[in-house]
Amino acid sequence: MTQRHERTALSSLAGLCGGLGLLLLVGTAGCTSTNVEDVAPQPGTVTGPKDTGTYPNLNIPPQQAAEQFTDADKDAKLARLQAEQAAANAAAAQAARTPNAAELDKLARTHASDTLKQIEGKCDAALDPTCK
């Protein structure tokens, strides 16, 4: 019988302490909050919209962010771009020329033996200038 009363007393004491702890946490939480209007924005940060109490005037035409291109500017930039494209295409065509069939046949005959010499350590100064 005494055990039952001790358990009840302990559980009610634990509940009372937990309740007091919760009350203490809730009470101190209100003390640490700050007023949003009192906090100054940091320099360089974007602030949100502000309620001025009036409606915005939507009849003001938007300002241009940059000076607009004229037709002459557009034509000059387009001509320069096409010239650079033509130069790049010419360089690519020069680099991608078709190889000579005789060169390809020679490479096919010698490539395997040259690679094996390098793998086996029999270096050839013509193939590897760092070989000694």
Protein backbone atom coordinates (compact mmCIF):
# COMPACT_ATOMS: atom_id res chain seq x y z
CA MET A 1 0.00 0.00 0.00
CA THR A 2 2.78 2.40 0.78
CA GLN A 3 4.44 1.62 -2.53
CA ARG A 4 1.37 2.74 -4.41
CA HIS A 5 1.25 6.04 -2.54
CA GLU A 6 4.98 6.59 -3.08
CA ARG A 7 4.60 6.03 -6.82
CA THR A 8 1.65 8.41 -6.97
CA ALA A 9 3.52 11.01 -4.96
CA LEU A 10 6.61 10.67 -7.11
CA SER A 11 4.67 10.86 -10.36
CA SER A 12 2.77 13.94 -9.20
CA LEU A 13 6.04 15.53 -8.07
CA ALA A 14 7.62 14.77 -11.46
CA GLY A 15 4.59 16.21 -13.23
CA LEU A 16 4.74 19.33 -11.08
CA CYS A 17 8.47 19.81 -11.79
CA GLY A 18 7.91 19.24 -15.53
CA GLY A 19 5.06 21.73 -15.54
CA LEU A 20 7.15 24.31 -13.72
CA GLY A 21 10.03 23.75 -16.15
CA LEU A 22 7.70 24.22 -19.10
CA LEU A 23 6.24 27.36 -17.54
CA LEU A 24 9.76 28.69 -16.97
CA LEU A 25 10.74 28.02 -20.61
CA VAL A 26 7.62 29.67 -21.98
CA GLY A 27 8.07 32.64 -19.68
CA THR A 28 11.67 33.25 -20.71
CA ALA A 29 10.94 32.76 -24.41
CA GLY A 30 8.92 35.96 -24.42
CA CYS A 31 11.83 37.88 -22.93
CA THR A 32 14.31 36.99 -25.65
CA SER A 33 12.25 38.06 -28.67
CA THR A 34 13.14 41.30 -30.46
CA ASN A 35 10.89 43.78 -32.16
CA VAL A 36 11.30 43.49 -35.93
CA GLU A 37 10.85 47.23 -36.48
CA ASP A 38 13.69 48.09 -34.07
CA VAL A 39 16.27 46.00 -35.93
CA ALA A 40 18.14 48.04 -38.56
CA PRO A 41 18.81 46.24 -41.87
CA GLN A 42 22.41 45.36 -42.60
CA PRO A 43 24.10 47.38 -45.36
CA GLY A 44 23.91 45.64 -48.72
CA THR A 45 20.85 43.57 -47.84
CA VAL A 46 17.61 43.80 -49.72
CA THR A 47 14.64 44.84 -47.67
CA GLY A 48 11.13 43.76 -48.44
CA PRO A 49 8.14 45.87 -49.43
CA LYS A 50 6.97 48.50 -47.00
CA ASP A 51 3.35 49.44 -46.34
CA THR A 52 3.12 53.18 -47.09
CA GLY A 53 -0.65 53.28 -46.75
CA THR A 54 -1.13 54.31 -50.39
CA TYR A 55 -1.64 52.45 -53.62
CA PRO A 56 1.31 52.26 -56.05
CA ASN A 57 1.15 54.39 -59.18
CA LEU A 58 1.24 51.92 -62.07
CA ASN A 59 1.03 54.67 -64.70
CA ILE A 60 4.73 55.56 -64.45
CA PRO A 61 6.55 54.10 -67.48
CA PRO A 62 9.49 51.89 -66.52
CA GLN A 63 12.97 53.28 -67.10
CA GLN A 64 15.40 51.54 -69.42
CA ALA A 65 18.12 49.58 -67.66
CA ALA A 66 20.65 50.29 -70.41
CA GLU A 67 20.90 52.25 -73.62
CA GLN A 68 19.18 50.39 -76.43
CA PHE A 69 21.02 49.17 -79.55
CA THR A 70 20.42 51.04 -82.75
CA ASP A 71 20.09 49.21 -86.05
CA ALA A 72 23.63 50.31 -86.98
CA ASP A 73 24.99 48.87 -83.71
CA LYS A 74 23.14 45.63 -84.35
CA ASP A 75 24.50 45.34 -87.91
CA ALA A 76 28.09 46.06 -86.77
CA LYS A 77 27.95 43.47 -83.98
CA LEU A 78 26.38 40.90 -86.30
CA ALA A 79 29.04 41.48 -88.97
CA ARG A 80 31.84 41.07 -86.38
CA LEU A 81 30.23 37.88 -85.07
CA GLN A 82 29.91 36.42 -88.58
CA ALA A 83 33.56 37.26 -89.32
CA GLU A 84 34.70 35.51 -86.13
CA GLN A 85 32.52 32.50 -87.01
CA ALA A 86 34.01 32.29 -90.49
CA ALA A 87 37.55 32.45 -89.07
CA ALA A 88 36.74 29.71 -86.55
CA ASN A 89 35.25 27.51 -89.28
CA ALA A 90 38.32 28.01 -91.47
CA ALA A 91 40.64 27.06 -88.61
CA ALA A 92 38.56 23.96 -87.89
CA ALA A 93 38.62 22.94 -91.54
CA GLN A 94 42.41 23.37 -91.62
CA ALA A 95 42.83 21.19 -88.51
CA ALA A 96 40.46 18.49 -89.72
CA ARG A 97 42.08 17.86 -93.11
CA THR A 98 41.88 14.31 -94.35
CA PRO A 99 45.07 12.38 -93.62
CA ASN A 100 47.13 10.83 -96.35
CA ALA A 101 46.46 7.12 -96.88
CA ALA A 102 50.19 6.37 -97.03
CA GLU A 103 50.72 8.02 -93.63
CA LEU A 104 47.92 5.93 -92.13
CA ASP A 105 49.38 2.70 -93.57
CA LYS A 106 52.82 3.51 -92.14
CA LEU A 107 51.30 4.28 -88.74
CA ALA A 108 49.37 0.99 -88.78
CA ARG A 109 52.56 -0.99 -89.50
CA THR A 110 54.77 0.68 -86.91
CA HIS A 111 52.41 1.59 -84.09
CA ALA A 112 52.26 -1.84 -82.44
CA SER A 113 56.04 -2.41 -82.47
CA ASP A 114 56.73 1.11 -81.20
CA THR A 115 54.28 0.67 -78.35
CA LEU A 116 55.74 -2.71 -77.39
CA LYS A 117 59.27 -1.23 -77.30
CA GLN A 118 58.10 1.47 -74.91
CA ILE A 119 56.24 -1.02 -72.69
CA GLU A 120 59.15 -3.46 -72.54
CA GLY A 121 61.59 -0.73 -71.63
CA LYS A 122 63.50 -0.82 -74.89
CA CYS A 123 63.33 2.85 -75.48
CA ASP A 124 63.83 4.47 -78.81
CA ALA A 125 65.11 8.05 -78.79
CA ALA A 126 63.06 8.81 -81.89
CA LEU A 127 59.87 7.86 -80.10
CA ASP A 128 60.66 9.12 -76.60
CA PRO A 129 63.12 12.02 -76.28
CA THR A 130 63.37 11.49 -72.49
CA CYS A 131 64.60 7.90 -73.01
CA LYS A 132 68.22 7.16 -72.04
